Amino acid sequence: MVNEVLERCGGSQKNVTPIPTLKNCPGCGEEVEIWSDELKTKCGKCGITVTMEATPSCIDWCRAAKECLGEDNYNRMMKARGKNNQL
């Protein structure tokens, strides 16, 4: 089932195979790498938390998300979004 979902679901790809984005630290301006499966990271230079804007994700609505992403990834992403409820 998971392989079938991954073949059809383009939205899950960035969570299964995360991609990096560069953002500037709001504190010191240093370029910080943040991955598509993260909502926040710390700046390596000044230690300030750099956040990624939360965008709608399959974990917010898809009943197959836990199986598709894997339980560990799913739980980590739900925790990062401040959600403890399980689908």
Foldseek 3Di string as FASTA:
>chain_A
DLVVCVVVDPQCVCLQVWDWDWDADPPPRDTDIDIPLAQWDADPPPGDIDGDDDDDGCLVPPLCVCVNNDVVSSCVSCVRVVHPDDD
